[in-house]
Structure formats: C-alpha cells, structure tokens
C-alpha atoms as a PDB file:
ATOM      1  CA  UNK A   1      14.862 -22.054  12.113  1.00  0.00           C
ATOM      2  CA  UNK A   2      11.824 -21.234  14.241  1.00  0.00           C
ATOM      3  CA  UNK A   3      13.682 -18.236  15.773  1.00  0.00           C
ATOM      4  CA  UNK A   4      14.626 -16.985  12.396  1.00  0.00           C
ATOM      5  CA  UNK A   5      11.051 -17.207  11.161  1.00  0.00           C
ATOM      6  CA  UNK A   6       9.690 -15.310  14.164  1.00  0.00           C
ATOM      7  CA  UNK A   7      12.349 -12.661  13.733  1.00  0.00           C
ATOM      8  CA  UNK A   8      11.429 -12.248  10.115  1.00  0.00           C
ATOM      9  CA  UNK A   9       7.724 -12.013  11.015  1.00  0.00           C
ATOM     10  CA  UNK A  10       8.449  -9.419  13.719  1.00  0.00           C
ATOM     11  CA  UNK A  11      10.557  -7.370  11.334  1.00  0.00           C
ATOM     12  CA  UNK A  12       7.842  -7.630   8.705  1.00  0.00           C
ATOM     13  CA  UNK A  13       5.183  -6.508  11.204  1.00  0.00           C
ATOM     14  CA  UNK A  14       7.304  -3.503  12.253  1.00  0.00           C
ATOM     15  CA  UNK A  15       7.817  -2.558   8.643  1.00  0.00           C
ATOM     16  CA  UNK A  16       4.085  -2.912   8.080  1.00  0.00           C
ATOM     17  CA  UNK A  17       3.368  -0.652  11.071  1.00  0.00           C
ATOM     18  CA  UNK A  18       5.941   1.936  10.026  1.00  0.00           C
ATOM     19  CA  UNK A  19       4.627   1.970   6.486  1.00  0.00           C
ATOM     20  CA  UNK A  20       0.982   2.381   7.512  1.00  0.00           C
ATOM     21  CA  UNK A  21      -0.768   5.643   6.432  1.00  0.00           C
ATOM     22  CA  UNK A  22      -1.271   6.771  10.038  1.00  0.00           C
ATOM     23  CA  UNK A  23       2.410   6.365  10.842  1.00  0.00           C
ATOM     24  CA  UNK A  24       3.345   8.345   7.769  1.00  0.00           C
ATOM     25  CA  UNK A  25       0.925  11.106   8.765  1.00  0.00           C
ATOM     26  CA  UNK A  26       2.021  11.196  12.427  1.00  0.00           C
ATOM     27  CA  UNK A  27       5.740  10.959  11.756  1.00  0.00           C
ATOM     28  CA  UNK A  28       6.417  14.705  11.310  1.00  0.00           C
ATOM     29  CA  UNK A  29       3.823  15.777  13.927  1.00  0.00           C
ATOM     30  CA  UNK A  30       6.352  16.472  16.762  1.00  0.00           C
ATOM     31  CA  UNK A  31       8.493  18.602  14.466  1.00  0.00           C
ATOM     32  CA  UNK A  32       5.457  20.500  13.221  1.00  0.00           C
ATOM     33  CA  UNK A  33       4.211  20.967  16.768  1.00  0.00           C
ATOM     34  CA  UNK A  34       7.597  22.241  17.943  1.00  0.00           C
ATOM     35  CA  UNK A  35       7.783  24.660  15.009  1.00  0.00           C
ATOM     36  CA  UNK A  36       4.266  25.878  15.761  1.00  0.00           C
ATOM     37  CA  UNK A  37       5.172  26.425  19.439  1.00  0.00           C
ATOM     38  CA  UNK A  38       8.311  28.374  18.470  1.00  0.00           C
ATOM     39  CA  UNK A  39       6.280  30.519  16.090  1.00  0.00           C
ATOM     40  CA  UNK A  40       3.684  31.234  18.777  1.00  0.00           C
ATOM     41  CA  UNK A  41       6.408  32.171  21.269  1.00  0.00           C
ATOM     42  CA  UNK A  42       7.951  34.598  18.786  1.00  0.00           C
ATOM     43  CA  UNK A  43       4.562  36.204  18.070  1.00  0.00           C
ATOM     44  CA  UNK A  44       3.828  36.494  21.812  1.00  0.00           C
ATOM     45  CA  UNK A  45       7.232  38.061  22.458  1.00  0.00           C
ATOM     46  CA  UNK A  46       6.737  40.590  19.652  1.00  0.00           C
ATOM     47  CA  UNK A  47       3.266  41.534  20.917  1.00  0.00           C
ATOM     48  CA  UNK A  48       4.582  41.849  24.476  1.00  0.00           C
ATOM     49  CA  UNK A  49       7.448  44.085  23.353  1.00  0.00           C
ATOM     50  CA  UNK A  50       5.092  46.316  21.343  1.00  0.00           C
ATOM     51  CA  UNK A  51       2.713  46.672  24.310  1.00  0.00           C
ATOM     52  CA  UNK A  52       5.570  47.398  26.714  1.00  0.00           C
ATOM     53  CA  UNK A  53       6.994  49.994  24.332  1.00  0.00           C
ATOM     54  CA  UNK A  54       3.559  51.593  23.984  1.00  0.00           C
ATOM     55  CA  UNK A  55       3.253  51.830  27.778  1.00  0.00           C
ATOM     56  CA  UNK A  56       6.821  52.593  28.806  1.00  0.00           C
ATOM     57  CA  UNK A  57       8.018  55.047  26.124  1.00  0.00           C
ATOM     58  CA  UNK A  58       5.714  57.882  27.347  1.00  0.00           C
ATOM     59  CA  UNK A  59       6.781  57.192  30.951  1.00  0.00           C
ATOM     60  CA  UNK A  60      10.445  57.267  29.923  1.00  0.00           C
ATOM     61  CA  UNK A  61       9.850  60.553  28.093  1.00  0.00           C
ATOM     62  CA  UNK A  62       8.255  61.972  31.257  1.00  0.00           C
ATOM     63  CA  UNK A  63      11.233  60.847  33.337  1.00  0.00           C
ATOM     64  CA  UNK A  64      13.718  62.434  30.926  1.00  0.00           C
ATOM     65  CA  UNK A  65      11.729  65.672  30.936  1.00  0.00           C
ATOM     66  CA  UNK A  66      11.953  65.879  34.742  1.00  0.00           C
ATOM     67  CA  UNK A  67      15.758  65.542  34.826  1.00  0.00           C
ATOM     68  CA  UNK A  68      16.684  67.622  31.769  1.00  0.00           C
ATOM     69  CA  UNK A  69      16.086  71.344  31.416  1.00  0.00           C
ATOM     70  CA  UNK A  70      14.080  71.816  28.196  1.00  0.00           C
ATOM     71  CA  UNK A  71      15.754  75.148  27.299  1.00  0.00           C
ATOM     72  CA  UNK A  72      19.328  74.912  28.583  1.00  0.00           C
ATOM     73  CA  UNK A  73      19.680  71.144  28.171  1.00  0.00           C
ATOM     74  CA  UNK A  74      21.282  70.793  31.616  1.00  0.00           C
ATOM     75  CA  UNK A  75      20.658  67.665  33.651  1.00  0.00           C
ATOM     76  CA  UNK A  76      19.598  67.773  37.287  1.00  0.00           C
ATOM     77  CA  UNK A  77      17.329  66.372  39.975  1.00  0.00           C
ATOM     78  CA  UNK A  78      15.921  69.663  41.218  1.00  0.00           C
ATOM     79  CA  UNK A  79      12.298  68.699  40.501  1.00  0.00           C
ATOM     80  CA  UNK A  80      12.596  65.434  42.435  1.00  0.00           C
ATOM     81  CA  UNK A  81      14.430  67.149  45.298  1.00  0.00           C
ATOM     82  CA  UNK A  82      11.610  69.692  45.531  1.00  0.00           C
ATOM     83  CA  UNK A  83       9.040  66.889  45.815  1.00  0.00           C
ATOM     84  CA  UNK A  84      10.854  64.759  48.366  1.00  0.00           C
ATOM     85  CA  UNK A  85      12.030  67.697  50.485  1.00  0.00           C
ATOM     86  CA  UNK A  86       8.632  69.388  50.275  1.00  0.00           C
ATOM     87  CA  UNK A  87      10.143  72.730  49.350  1.00  0.00           C
ATOM     88  CA  UNK A  88      10.286  74.338  45.914  1.00  0.00           C
ATOM     89  CA  UNK A  89      12.099  77.485  47.031  1.00  0.00           C
ATOM     90  CA  UNK A  90      15.206  76.616  44.997  1.00  0.00           C
ATOM     91  CA  UNK A  91      13.033  76.601  41.858  1.00  0.00           C
ATOM     92  CA  UNK A  92      10.909  79.568  42.926  1.00  0.00           C
ATOM     93  CA  UNK A  93       7.751  77.415  43.124  1.00  0.00           C
ATOM     94  CA  UNK A  94       5.071  77.326  45.789  1.00  0.00           C
ATOM     95  CA  UNK A  95       4.407  73.650  46.556  1.00  0.00           C
ATOM     96  CA  UNK A  96       1.564  74.206  49.001  1.00  0.00           C
ATOM     97  CA  UNK A  97      -1.174  73.696  46.393  1.00  0.00           C
ATOM     98  CA  UNK A  98       0.342  70.337  45.456  1.00  0.00           C
ATOM     99  CA  UNK A  99       0.209  69.006  49.029  1.00  0.00           C
ATOM    100  CA  UNK A 100      -3.276  70.416  49.429  1.00  0.00           C
ATOM    101  CA  UNK A 101      -4.476  68.636  46.291  1.00  0.00           C
ATOM    102  CA  UNK A 102      -2.731  65.382  47.245  1.00  0.00           C
ATOM    103  CA  UNK A 103      -4.308  65.383  50.699  1.00  0.00           C
ATOM    104  CA  UNK A 104      -7.758  66.072  49.244  1.00  0.00           C
ATOM    105  CA  UNK A 105      -7.426  63.259  46.684  1.00  0.00           C
ATOM    106  CA  UNK A 106      -6.255  60.733  49.285  1.00  0.00           C
ATOM    107  CA  UNK A 107      -9.131  61.647  51.601  1.00  0.00           C
ATOM    108  CA  UNK A 108     -11.566  61.413  48.674  1.00  0.00           C
ATOM    109  CA  UNK A 109     -10.195  57.956  47.821  1.00  0.00           C
ATOM    110  CA  UNK A 110     -10.969  56.659  51.306  1.00  0.00           C
ATOM    111  CA  UNK A 111     -14.426  58.233  51.581  1.00  0.00           C
ATOM    112  CA  UNK A 112     -15.497  57.395  48.021  1.00  0.00           C
ATOM    113  CA  UNK A 113     -14.407  53.754  48.168  1.00  0.00           C
ATOM    114  CA  UNK A 114     -16.162  53.264  51.514  1.00  0.00           C
ATOM    115  CA  UNK A 115     -19.358  54.856  50.210  1.00  0.00           C
ATOM    116  CA  UNK A 116     -19.369  52.763  47.043  1.00  0.00           C
ATOM    117  CA  UNK A 117     -18.728  49.487  48.872  1.00  0.00           C
ATOM    118  CA  UNK A 118     -21.265  50.189  51.618  1.00  0.00           C
ATOM    119  CA  UNK A 119     -23.837  51.145  49.001  1.00  0.00           C
ATOM    120  CA  UNK A 120     -23.243  48.408  46.443  1.00  0.00           C
ATOM    121  CA  UNK A 121     -22.402  45.233  48.378  1.00  0.00           C
ATOM    122  CA  UNK A 122     -25.597  44.909  50.484  1.00  0.00           C
ATOM    123  CA  UNK A 123     -27.834  45.904  47.567  1.00  0.00           C
ATOM    124  CA  UNK A 124     -26.166  43.471  45.171  1.00  0.00           C
ATOM    125  CA  UNK A 125     -26.220  40.600  47.679  1.00  0.00           C
ATOM    126  CA  UNK A 126     -29.891  41.101  48.541  1.00  0.00           C
ATOM    127  CA  UNK A 127     -31.021  41.420  44.927  1.00  0.00           C
ATOM    128  CA  UNK A 128     -28.875  38.472  43.855  1.00  0.00           C
ATOM    129  CA  UNK A 129     -30.329  36.208  46.546  1.00  0.00           C
ATOM    130  CA  UNK A 130     -33.896  37.458  46.724  1.00  0.00           C
ATOM    131  CA  UNK A 131     -34.810  39.105  43.429  1.00  0.00           C
ATOM    132  CA  UNK A 132     -32.765  38.292  40.297  1.00  0.00           C
ATOM    133  CA  UNK A 133     -35.110  40.433  38.195  1.00  0.00           C
ATOM    134  CA  UNK A 134     -34.419  43.452  40.403  1.00  0.00           C
ATOM    135  CA  UNK A 135     -30.687  42.724  40.039  1.00  0.00           C
ATOM    136  CA  UNK A 136     -30.952  43.655  36.355  1.00  0.00           C
ATOM    137  CA  UNK A 137     -32.422  47.050  37.326  1.00  0.00           C
ATOM    138  CA  UNK A 138     -29.601  47.593  39.824  1.00  0.00           C
ATOM    139  CA  UNK A 139     -27.070  46.721  37.109  1.00  0.00           C
ATOM    140  CA  UNK A 140     -28.649  49.205  34.700  1.00  0.00           C
ATOM    141  CA  UNK A 141     -28.687  52.001  37.285  1.00  0.00           C
ATOM    142  CA  UNK A 142     -25.121  51.274  38.408  1.00  0.00           C
ATOM    143  CA  UNK A 143     -23.674  51.260  34.899  1.00  0.00           C
ATOM    144  CA  UNK A 144     -25.717  54.223  33.639  1.00  0.00           C
ATOM    145  CA  UNK A 145     -23.003  56.833  34.487  1.00  0.00           C
ATOM    146  CA  UNK A 146     -20.768  55.197  31.883  1.00  0.00           C
ATOM    147  CA  UNK A 147     -23.050  56.539  29.163  1.00  0.00           C
ATOM    148  CA  UNK A 148     -23.068  60.098  30.543  1.00  0.00           C
ATOM    149  CA  UNK A 149     -20.087  62.323  29.673  1.00  0.00           C
ATOM    150  CA  UNK A 150     -18.392  63.985  32.633  1.00  0.00           C
ATOM    151  CA  UNK A 151     -19.190  67.471  31.328  1.00  0.00           C
ATOM    152  CA  UNK A 152     -22.912  66.610  31.170  1.00  0.00           C
ATOM    153  CA  UNK A 153     -22.723  65.131  34.663  1.00  0.00           C
ATOM    154  CA  UNK A 154     -21.184  68.346  35.969  1.00  0.00           C
ATOM    155  CA  UNK A 155     -23.924  70.443  34.356  1.00  0.00           C
ATOM    156  CA  UNK A 156     -26.482  68.397  36.255  1.00  0.00           C
ATOM    157  CA  UNK A 157     -24.538  68.339  39.513  1.00  0.00           C
ATOM    158  CA  UNK A 158     -23.653  72.043  39.442  1.00  0.00           C
ATOM    159  CA  UNK A 159     -26.956  73.390  40.861  1.00  0.00           C
ATOM    160  CA  UNK A 160     -27.031  70.620  43.469  1.00  0.00           C
ATOM    161  CA  UNK A 161     -23.511  71.442  44.637  1.00  0.00           C
ATOM    162  CA  UNK A 162     -24.289  75.164  44.751  1.00  0.00           C
ATOM    163  CA  UNK A 163     -27.246  74.406  47.032  1.00  0.00           C
ATOM    164  CA  UNK A 164     -25.198  71.990  49.148  1.00  0.00           C
ATOM    165  CA  UNK A 165     -22.335  74.466  49.467  1.00  0.00           C
ATOM    166  CA  UNK A 166     -24.554  77.404  50.417  1.00  0.00           C
ATOM    167  CA  UNK A 167     -27.283  75.885  52.578  1.00  0.00           C
ATOM    168  CA  UNK A 168     -26.327  72.394  53.777  1.00  0.00           C
ATOM    169  CA  UNK A 169     -22.602  71.698  53.961  1.00  0.00           C
ATOM    170  CA  UNK A 170     -19.677  73.819  52.775  1.00  0.00           C
ATOM    171  CA  UNK A 171     -17.342  74.300  49.836  1.00  0.00           C
ATOM    172  CA  UNK A 172     -14.882  71.767  51.230  1.00  0.00           C
ATOM    173  CA  UNK A 173     -13.577  69.549  48.385  1.00  0.00           C
ATOM    174  CA  UNK A 174     -14.280  66.430  50.451  1.00  0.00           C
ATOM    175  CA  UNK A 175     -17.937  66.714  49.418  1.00  0.00           C
ATOM    176  CA  UNK A 176     -16.890  65.775  45.911  1.00  0.00           C
ATOM    177  CA  UNK A 177     -17.253  62.252  47.278  1.00  0.00           C
ATOM    178  CA  UNK A 178     -20.917  62.271  46.197  1.00  0.00           C
ATOM    179  CA  UNK A 179     -20.046  62.985  42.567  1.00  0.00           C
ATOM    180  CA  UNK A 180     -17.120  60.558  42.645  1.00  0.00           C
ATOM    181  CA  UNK A 181     -19.354  57.819  44.014  1.00  0.00           C
ATOM    182  CA  UNK A 182     -21.441  58.147  40.854  1.00  0.00           C
ATOM    183  CA  UNK A 183     -18.320  58.048  38.671  1.00  0.00           C
ATOM    184  CA  UNK A 184     -16.804  55.020  40.434  1.00  0.00           C
ATOM    185  CA  UNK A 185     -20.013  52.996  40.722  1.00  0.00           C
ATOM    186  CA  UNK A 186     -20.017  51.378  37.219  1.00  0.00           C
ATOM    187  CA  UNK A 187     -16.447  50.094  37.539  1.00  0.00           C
ATOM    188  CA  UNK A 188     -16.863  48.833  41.092  1.00  0.00           C
ATOM    189  CA  UNK A 189     -20.154  47.184  40.179  1.00  0.00           C
ATOM    190  CA  UNK A 190     -18.489  45.162  37.422  1.00  0.00           C
ATOM    191  CA  UNK A 191     -15.707  44.001  39.752  1.00  0.00           C
ATOM    192  CA  UNK A 192     -18.180  42.945  42.458  1.00  0.00           C
ATOM    193  CA  UNK A 193     -20.518  41.260  39.953  1.00  0.00           C
ATOM    194  CA  UNK A 194     -17.694  39.075  38.642  1.00  0.00           C
ATOM    195  CA  UNK A 195     -16.866  37.963  42.189  1.00  0.00           C
ATOM    196  CA  UNK A 196     -20.492  37.183  43.054  1.00  0.00           C
ATOM    197  CA  UNK A 197     -20.974  35.134  39.888  1.00  0.00           C
ATOM    198  CA  UNK A 198     -17.871  33.064  40.650  1.00  0.00           C
ATOM    199  CA  UNK A 199     -19.210  32.080  44.104  1.00  0.00           C
ATOM    200  CA  UNK A 200     -22.279  29.896  44.601  1.00  0.00           C
ATOM    201  CA  UNK A 201     -23.893  32.349  46.995  1.00  0.00           C
ATOM    202  CA  UNK A 202     -27.288  30.657  47.007  1.00  0.00           C
ATOM    203  CA  UNK A 203     -25.848  27.319  48.152  1.00  0.00           C
ATOM    204  CA  UNK A 204     -23.762  29.058  50.811  1.00  0.00           C
ATOM    205  CA  UNK A 205     -26.815  30.948  52.010  1.00  0.00           C
ATOM    206  CA  UNK A 206     -29.089  27.897  52.144  1.00  0.00           C
ATOM    207  CA  UNK A 207     -26.443  25.804  53.910  1.00  0.00           C
ATOM    208  CA  UNK A 208     -25.675  28.526  56.462  1.00  0.00           C
ATOM    209  CA  UNK A 209     -29.334  29.247  57.167  1.00  0.00           C
ATOM    210  CA  UNK A 210     -30.118  25.550  57.538  1.00  0.00           C
ATOM    211  CA  UNK A 211     -27.334  25.324  60.142  1.00  0.00           C
ATOM    212  CA  UNK A 212     -28.853  28.179  62.128  1.00  0.00           C
ATOM    213  CA  UNK A 213     -26.697  31.143  61.033  1.00  0.00           C
ATOM    214  CA  UNK A 214     -28.368  34.540  61.337  1.00  0.00           C
ATOM    215  CA  UNK A 215     -28.342  37.013  58.440  1.00  0.00           C
ATOM    216  CA  UNK A 216     -25.565  39.220  59.962  1.00  0.00           C
ATOM    217  CA  UNK A 217     -23.408  36.126  60.565  1.00  0.00           C
ATOM    218  CA  UNK A 218     -24.115  34.923  57.044  1.00  0.00           C
ATOM    219  CA  UNK A 219     -23.208  38.301  55.539  1.00  0.00           C
ATOM    220  CA  UNK A 220     -20.077  39.113  57.534  1.00  0.00           C
ATOM    221  CA  UNK A 221     -18.605  35.642  58.180  1.00  0.00           C
ATOM    222  CA  UNK A 222     -19.693  33.644  55.137  1.00  0.00           C
ATOM    223  CA  UNK A 223     -20.318  35.884  52.128  1.00  0.00           C
ATOM    224  CA  UNK A 224     -17.831  38.737  52.622  1.00  0.00           C
ATOM    225  CA  UNK A 225     -14.785  36.447  53.107  1.00  0.00           C
ATOM    226  CA  UNK A 226     -15.659  34.759  49.816  1.00  0.00           C
ATOM    227  CA  UNK A 227     -15.868  38.129  48.073  1.00  0.00           C
ATOM    228  CA  UNK A 228     -12.632  39.639  49.365  1.00  0.00           C
ATOM    229  CA  UNK A 229     -10.854  39.454  46.017  1.00  0.00           C
ATOM    230  CA  UNK A 230     -13.590  41.273  44.135  1.00  0.00           C
ATOM    231  CA  UNK A 231     -13.913  43.814  46.962  1.00  0.00           C
ATOM    232  CA  UNK A 232     -10.199  44.595  46.705  1.00  0.00           C
ATOM    233  CA  UNK A 233     -10.510  44.947  42.939  1.00  0.00           C
ATOM    234  CA  UNK A 234     -13.463  47.300  43.320  1.00  0.00           C
ATOM    235  CA  UNK A 235     -11.513  49.351  45.866  1.00  0.00           C
ATOM    236  CA  UNK A 236      -8.468  49.620  43.631  1.00  0.00           C
ATOM    237  CA  UNK A 237     -10.555  50.704  40.658  1.00  0.00           C
ATOM    238  CA  UNK A 238     -12.181  53.362  42.829  1.00  0.00           C
ATOM    239  CA  UNK A 239      -8.798  54.682  43.981  1.00  0.00           C
ATOM    240  CA  UNK A 240      -7.504  54.783  40.404  1.00  0.00           C
ATOM    241  CA  UNK A 241     -10.555  56.719  39.177  1.00  0.00           C
ATOM    242  CA  UNK A 242     -10.484  59.234  42.036  1.00  0.00           C
ATOM    243  CA  UNK A 243      -6.735  59.854  41.829  1.00  0.00           C
ATOM    244  CA  UNK A 244      -6.973  60.559  38.098  1.00  0.00           C
ATOM    245  CA  UNK A 245     -10.172  62.617  38.049  1.00  0.00           C
ATOM    246  CA  UNK A 246      -9.853  66.205  36.780  1.00  0.00           C
ATOM    247  CA  UNK A 247     -12.980  67.346  34.921  1.00  0.00           C
ATOM    248  CA  UNK A 248     -15.533  67.316  37.736  1.00  0.00           C
ATOM    249  CA  UNK A 249     -13.226  68.956  40.296  1.00  0.00           C
ATOM    250  CA  UNK A 250     -12.041  71.617  37.872  1.00  0.00           C
ATOM    251  CA  UNK A 251     -15.519  72.575  36.617  1.00  0.00           C
ATOM    252  CA  UNK A 252     -16.940  72.641  40.150  1.00  0.00           C
ATOM    253  CA  UNK A 253     -14.062  74.870  41.313  1.00  0.00           C
ATOM    254  CA  UNK A 254     -12.469  72.408  43.745  1.00  0.00           C
ATOM    255  CA  UNK A 255      -8.779  71.529  44.038  1.00  0.00           C
ATOM    256  CA  UNK A 256      -7.738  67.889  43.957  1.00  0.00           C
ATOM    257  CA  UNK A 257      -4.459  66.291  42.863  1.00  0.00           C
ATOM    258  CA  UNK A 258      -5.038  66.627  39.119  1.00  0.00           C
ATOM    259  CA  UNK A 259      -6.203  70.242  39.393  1.00  0.00           C
ATOM    260  CA  UNK A 260      -3.200  71.026  41.595  1.00  0.00           C
ATOM    261  CA  UNK A 261      -0.859  69.404  39.042  1.00  0.00           C
ATOM    262  CA  UNK A 262      -2.382  71.506  36.271  1.00  0.00           C
ATOM    263  CA  UNK A 263      -2.020  74.719  38.269  1.00  0.00           C
ATOM    264  CA  UNK A 264       1.497  73.817  39.354  1.00  0.00           C
ATOM    265  CA  UNK A 265       2.392  73.069  35.744  1.00  0.00           C
ATOM    266  CA  UNK A 266       1.697  76.707  34.874  1.00  0.00           C
ATOM    267  CA  UNK A 267       4.688  77.778  37.000  1.00  0.00           C
ATOM    268  CA  UNK A 268       6.963  74.693  36.909  1.00  0.00           C
ATOM    269  CA  UNK A 269       6.134  71.921  34.474  1.00  0.00           C
ATOM    270  CA  UNK A 270       9.020  69.702  35.622  1.00  0.00           C
ATOM    271  CA  UNK A 271       7.682  69.361  39.176  1.00  0.00           C
ATOM    272  CA  UNK A 272       4.178  68.803  37.831  1.00  0.00           C
ATOM    273  CA  UNK A 273       5.396  66.045  35.487  1.00  0.00           C
ATOM    274  CA  UNK A 274       7.464  64.390  38.214  1.00  0.00           C
ATOM    275  CA  UNK A 275       4.469  64.330  40.547  1.00  0.00           C
ATOM    276  CA  UNK A 276       2.247  62.906  37.796  1.00  0.00           C
ATOM    277  CA  UNK A 277       4.846  60.184  37.240  1.00  0.00           C
ATOM    278  CA  UNK A 278       4.892  59.417  40.964  1.00  0.00           C
ATOM    279  CA  UNK A 279       1.087  59.125  40.924  1.00  0.00           C
ATOM    280  CA  UNK A 280       1.327  56.574  38.101  1.00  0.00           C
ATOM    281  CA  UNK A 281       3.972  54.602  39.976  1.00  0.00           C
ATOM    282  CA  UNK A 282       1.778  54.716  43.080  1.00  0.00           C
ATOM    283  CA  UNK A 283      -1.090  53.207  41.086  1.00  0.00           C
ATOM    284  CA  UNK A 284       1.106  50.410  39.745  1.00  0.00           C
ATOM    285  CA  UNK A 285       2.526  49.624  43.190  1.00  0.00           C
ATOM    286  CA  UNK A 286      -0.970  49.626  44.654  1.00  0.00           C
ATOM    287  CA  UNK A 287      -2.127  47.193  41.958  1.00  0.00           C
ATOM    288  CA  UNK A 288       0.777  44.834  42.702  1.00  0.00           C
ATOM    289  CA  UNK A 289       0.187  44.992  46.461  1.00  0.00           C
ATOM    290  CA  UNK A 290      -3.520  44.299  46.102  1.00  0.00           C
ATOM    291  CA  UNK A 291      -2.784  41.408  43.732  1.00  0.00           C
ATOM    292  CA  UNK A 292      -0.348  39.906  46.253  1.00  0.00           C
ATOM    293  CA  UNK A 293      -2.916  40.263  49.038  1.00  0.00           C
ATOM    294  CA  UNK A 294      -5.622  38.658  46.901  1.00  0.00           C
ATOM    295  CA  UNK A 295      -3.338  35.721  46.028  1.00  0.00           C
ATOM    296  CA  UNK A 296      -2.427  35.271  49.696  1.00  0.00           C
ATOM    297  CA  UNK A 297      -6.099  35.178  50.692  1.00  0.00           C
ATOM    298  CA  UNK A 298      -6.851  32.689  47.918  1.00  0.00           C
ATOM    299  CA  UNK A 299      -3.978  30.389  48.977  1.00  0.00           C
ATOM    300  CA  UNK A 300      -5.094  30.438  52.613  1.00  0.00           C
ATOM    301  CA  UNK A 301      -8.632  29.596  51.546  1.00  0.00           C
ATOM    302  CA  UNK A 302      -7.476  26.716  49.360  1.00  0.00           C
ATOM    303  CA  UNK A 303      -5.203  25.388  52.119  1.00  0.00           C
END
C-alpha cells in the first residue's frame, strides 16, 4: 500500500511538472530551434550561391571567349598555346610586349612591397609605442591617397616624373615604384594596423626591455615575429594593387602588365583575355598560399 501511494505521488508530481507553464513553453523549443537552423542554412546557401555566381560567371565568360572564335564560332586553344609556348606567330601576334609588361609588373611588385614595408613598419611601431598622438597623424597621411583619384595623382606626379626622367634617373618603368608606394600605402597601413592592435606590443616591449633586450633585438626577434600575419597580408595587398594598376602607368607613358594587355588586345583580344584570366588566377593562388603560410605560422606559435 505504501509503494502504491509513493507511485501515485511520483506520477502526480511528474504530471504536475509536465503541465507547468515553463514545460509547456519549452516543449516545442528544440523543434523551433531546428527549424530556425535549417532556415538559416538555406539562406546562407542561397547567399553563397549568388556571390559565387556573381564572381564566377564573368570568369567563365572570359574562359569561353578564349577558346571560342567570336566570328567563326570555332573552338580551339590557340590563345593558351601562344601564352604557354611564348610565341604568337601562329596567330600573327607579337608577344614581346606582354613579356615586357609582365616582367616590369613583377619587378614593381617586389620593389614596391619592400619600400612600403620598410617605410611603414618602423614608423608605425615607433609611433605606437612612443607617441600615440603622432600615430593618428601617420594614419591620416597614410590613408590620404584613398581620397585622391588616380587621375589627379598623375597630374601632380607628372612634372616630378618628367624631372626625374630627364635629370636624375631614367624613363625605366621600375621608377613607377615611387608612385605605386603612394597607391599601396593606405591598404598596407590598414593591414599592419590590425595586426599591431591585436598584439599587446607595449607589454612585450616593457618585458623585453626589462630583461635586457636591445631595441634591434626587440624589433627583429620579438615584434616582427608577432606581426608576420599582418605583414603577409600587407604584402599580398600590395602585389594585388600593383599587378592590377593601369591608370598611372598609362598616363605616365610606361608599360606594365595592364598596359601591355590593353595594347595586345588591340591586335588579339583572345590572348589578352587569357592573360588577364591567368593574372586573376595568380592572385587567387597567391592569396591561398599566403593564407596557408599564415595559418602554419599561427599553429607553430600556439604549439
């Protein structure tokens, strides 16, 4: 009889718990949550597909244009063969200007990125550690070129480049590195600033100095290894800007990759489009490689 009474009380308590307002409210929560998750996944998939279509459809159109003759409709790989063999004789096209422009752009990438990093990193580190108020001035100066259109920049740089070409240096396109440093500086500054704000540089500096580290040791062995990811990002952004720059080189009468592609497109648009597509693929591959390197450095640091 006692067992029966306790069983009845237990059953009554369970019924009381199940019939409480909170239980009634929480009962459908898992189903609602699962439905909400499914809805979010569908929305994310749709957005991802729209973005991929927006990015990939123009690239697919470029690829089709390079393998299909626009007038005759015949399919072929002549444009790609001309690029990879280095000879456009079969298409009656002189490829020398393309290789000249590609070599100039690659050299400008190296020189410009080095100049930007050598100029920005020490200045930003010193102002960040010693004078935060001066850091705001450096930020304003570094991001100022974003507000100046390229055509206006060329108008201002034109007389300077005429003087440099005639009296100081030469008309070699490599000296475009000075103008490109100005163009790349805002983007590289942002990448480096994000990295410096994510690292407690003041604590690292005070700890290293209190342990007897000199300023060169502090800079090269303590601060730079902690900023590698942002340095790689700044370098990639610089390469992307230089490889895609056309206005400054064209208006100053120099030949880089984009100017060479434009001139080549006047005689054979298929080769020009194929090379532009290769340049885009090169940028994507470079981004992936740099991302893998940055992740590897981060994992080693965490280990």
